[in-house]
Protein backbone atom coordinates (compact mmCIF):
# COMPACT_ATOMS: atom_id res chain seq x y z
CA MET A 1 5.21 97.06 -73.27
CA ARG A 2 7.12 93.96 -72.26
CA LEU A 3 8.14 95.63 -68.98
CA LYS A 4 4.47 96.31 -68.22
CA HIS A 5 3.63 92.59 -68.61
CA VAL A 6 6.57 91.56 -66.40
CA VAL A 7 5.53 93.98 -63.63
CA MET A 8 1.87 92.91 -63.78
CA SER A 9 2.88 89.23 -63.69
CA ALA A 10 5.12 89.86 -60.67
CA VAL A 11 2.33 91.70 -58.82
CA LEU A 12 -0.17 88.93 -59.58
CA LEU A 13 2.27 86.22 -58.53
CA GLY A 14 3.06 88.10 -55.31
CA ALA A 15 -0.65 88.42 -54.50
CA LEU A 16 -1.11 84.67 -54.96
CA ILE A 17 1.95 83.67 -52.94
CA PHE A 18 1.60 86.23 -50.14
CA PRO A 19 -2.14 86.81 -49.66
CA GLY A 20 -3.21 89.43 -47.18
CA GLY A 21 -4.38 87.93 -43.91
CA CYS A 22 -7.50 88.73 -42.02
CA GLY A 23 -9.20 87.56 -38.84
CA LYS A 24 -7.76 86.64 -35.49
CA LYS A 25 -4.15 85.56 -35.39
CA ALA A 26 -4.09 82.49 -33.17
CA PRO A 27 -3.22 78.83 -33.31
CA PRO A 28 -5.89 76.63 -34.88
CA PHE A 29 -8.31 74.81 -32.57
CA VAL A 30 -11.05 72.25 -32.77
CA PRO A 31 -14.44 73.81 -31.97
CA LYS A 32 -16.39 72.37 -29.06
CA ALA A 33 -19.27 70.06 -29.76
CA LYS A 34 -22.64 71.70 -30.28
CA GLY A 35 -25.13 71.49 -27.47
CA GLY A 36 -22.54 72.41 -24.86
CA PHE A 37 -23.43 72.52 -21.22
CA SER A 38 -27.13 72.56 -20.44
CA LEU A 39 -27.47 72.92 -16.66
CA GLN A 40 -29.23 76.16 -15.70
CA VAL A 41 -30.13 78.07 -12.53
CA GLU A 42 -33.84 78.78 -12.11
CA LYS A 43 -35.65 80.76 -9.41
CA LEU A 44 -32.50 82.80 -8.81
CA GLN A 45 -32.60 85.08 -5.76
CA ALA A 46 -30.00 87.51 -4.38
CA ARG A 47 -29.46 88.82 -0.87
CA GLU A 48 -26.83 91.34 0.28
CA GLN A 49 -24.97 90.68 3.53
CA GLY A 50 -22.02 92.79 4.68
CA GLY A 51 -20.54 93.61 1.28
CA GLU A 52 -21.31 90.23 -0.26
CA VAL A 53 -24.19 89.03 -2.40
CA ARG A 54 -25.43 85.51 -1.77
CA PHE A 55 -27.23 83.87 -4.67
CA THR A 56 -29.58 80.92 -4.25
CA GLY A 57 -31.68 78.97 -6.71
CA GLU A 58 -32.31 75.56 -8.23
CA VAL A 59 -30.15 73.80 -10.80
CA VAL A 60 -32.27 72.16 -13.49
CA ARG A 61 -31.61 70.02 -16.53
CA PRO A 62 -33.43 70.30 -19.85
CA ARG A 63 -36.44 68.05 -20.15
CA GLY A 64 -35.62 64.40 -20.63
CA GLN A 65 -31.91 64.87 -19.98
CA VAL A 66 -30.10 62.98 -17.26
CA GLY A 67 -26.66 63.54 -15.86
CA LYS A 68 -24.74 64.29 -12.72
CA LEU A 69 -24.82 67.71 -11.14
CA THR A 70 -21.20 67.13 -10.20
CA ALA A 71 -20.22 68.15 -13.75
CA LEU A 72 -20.67 71.73 -12.53
CA GLU A 73 -17.29 73.41 -12.20
CA SER A 74 -18.04 77.05 -11.41
CA CYS A 75 -20.43 79.90 -12.07
CA ARG A 76 -20.18 83.04 -14.19
CA VAL A 77 -21.83 86.06 -12.55
CA TYR A 78 -22.81 88.83 -14.99
CA HIS A 79 -23.28 92.15 -13.26
CA VAL A 80 -24.23 95.75 -13.99
CA ARG A 81 -24.72 98.63 -11.54
CA TYR A 82 -26.81 101.79 -11.90
CA SER A 83 -26.75 104.76 -9.55
CA LEU A 84 -29.66 105.24 -7.20
CA GLU A 85 -30.43 108.55 -8.94
CA SER A 86 -30.69 107.15 -12.48
CA PRO A 87 -32.21 103.67 -12.53
CA PRO A 88 -33.20 102.03 -15.81
CA CYS A 89 -36.87 101.85 -16.65
CA GLU A 90 -38.72 98.68 -15.67
CA GLY A 91 -38.66 96.23 -18.55
CA CYS A 92 -35.85 98.03 -20.39
CA PRO A 93 -33.16 95.78 -21.84
CA ILE A 94 -30.00 95.69 -19.76
CA SER A 95 -26.57 95.05 -21.24
CA PHE A 96 -24.31 92.99 -18.98
CA THR A 97 -20.73 93.96 -19.85
CA ALA A 98 -18.85 92.75 -16.76
CA TRP A 99 -18.62 89.25 -15.36
CA GLU A 100 -16.55 87.19 -12.96
CA GLU A 101 -16.23 83.50 -12.22
CA THR A 102 -16.86 82.18 -8.74
CA LYS A 103 -17.10 78.81 -7.04
CA ALA A 104 -20.61 77.35 -7.08
CA HIS A 105 -22.09 74.91 -4.58
CA VAL A 106 -24.84 72.46 -5.54
CA SER A 107 -26.44 70.03 -3.11
CA GLY A 108 -27.59 66.55 -4.11
CA ASP A 109 -31.17 67.75 -4.57
CA GLY A 110 -30.14 70.58 -6.93
CA GLN A 111 -30.12 73.55 -4.52
CA PHE A 112 -27.61 76.12 -5.80
CA SER A 113 -25.64 78.82 -3.96
CA CYS A 114 -22.66 81.09 -4.57
CA THR A 115 -21.39 84.46 -3.37
CA THR A 116 -19.67 87.48 -4.86
CA GLU A 117 -18.61 90.90 -3.57
CA VAL A 118 -20.55 94.09 -4.09
CA LYS A 119 -18.59 97.23 -3.23
CA LEU A 120 -20.65 100.24 -4.31
CA PRO A 121 -24.17 101.33 -3.43
CA GLY A 122 -26.70 101.41 -6.24
CA ILE A 123 -29.15 99.29 -8.15
CA HIS A 124 -27.45 96.04 -9.15
CA TYR A 125 -28.66 93.53 -11.73
CA PHE A 126 -27.29 89.99 -11.99
CA VAL A 127 -27.56 87.00 -14.33
CA LEU A 128 -25.77 83.70 -13.70
CA ARG A 129 -24.55 81.01 -16.07
CA LEU A 130 -23.15 77.70 -14.90
CA ILE A 131 -19.83 76.45 -16.26
CA GLY A 132 -19.22 72.79 -16.92
CA PRO A 133 -16.37 70.65 -18.15
CA ASP A 134 -13.90 72.19 -20.61
CA GLY A 135 -15.28 75.69 -19.89
CA ALA A 136 -18.63 75.07 -21.59
CA VAL A 137 -21.15 77.73 -20.49
CA GLY A 138 -24.79 76.91 -19.80
CA PRO A 139 -27.89 79.01 -20.52
CA PRO A 140 -28.54 82.20 -18.52
CA SER A 141 -30.61 82.31 -15.34
CA ASN A 142 -33.42 84.72 -14.69
CA ARG A 143 -32.35 88.33 -14.03
CA VAL A 144 -32.37 89.54 -10.43
CA LYS A 145 -32.36 93.10 -9.11
CA LEU A 146 -30.71 94.10 -5.82
CA LEU A 147 -30.79 97.49 -4.11
CA VAL A 148 -27.63 98.22 -2.12
CA LYS A 149 -27.51 101.37 0.01
């Protein structure tokens, strides 16, 4: 009986001293401030030229917010491709699983442009998000569709 108590005490003590871990194993970090980066591309358009897609649009701020457009560091281009034989239905939700970062250019009056490569024919959908200081990501742009033959 005494042995049973000793074993149970040892197991309980071990569970308290060496708790099982869970979650992501990484160094601790301070979370970024809420609100993040708020610049957004509106009226996004895409045009294919010789294996590249050129995006154009307007960079806008949320209402009542002021700030320099120079805070823009780059652009994240979300992309998905469907074959010409099996396009998604119009209005169907589209899951963007792939993305790449590219250099973005913004003029003083807020005109936006960037380019990315497109290698395969098909029906391509794109959404862009601007990236600001410290890697903060802004809200998504409108979705654009591009047919590449």
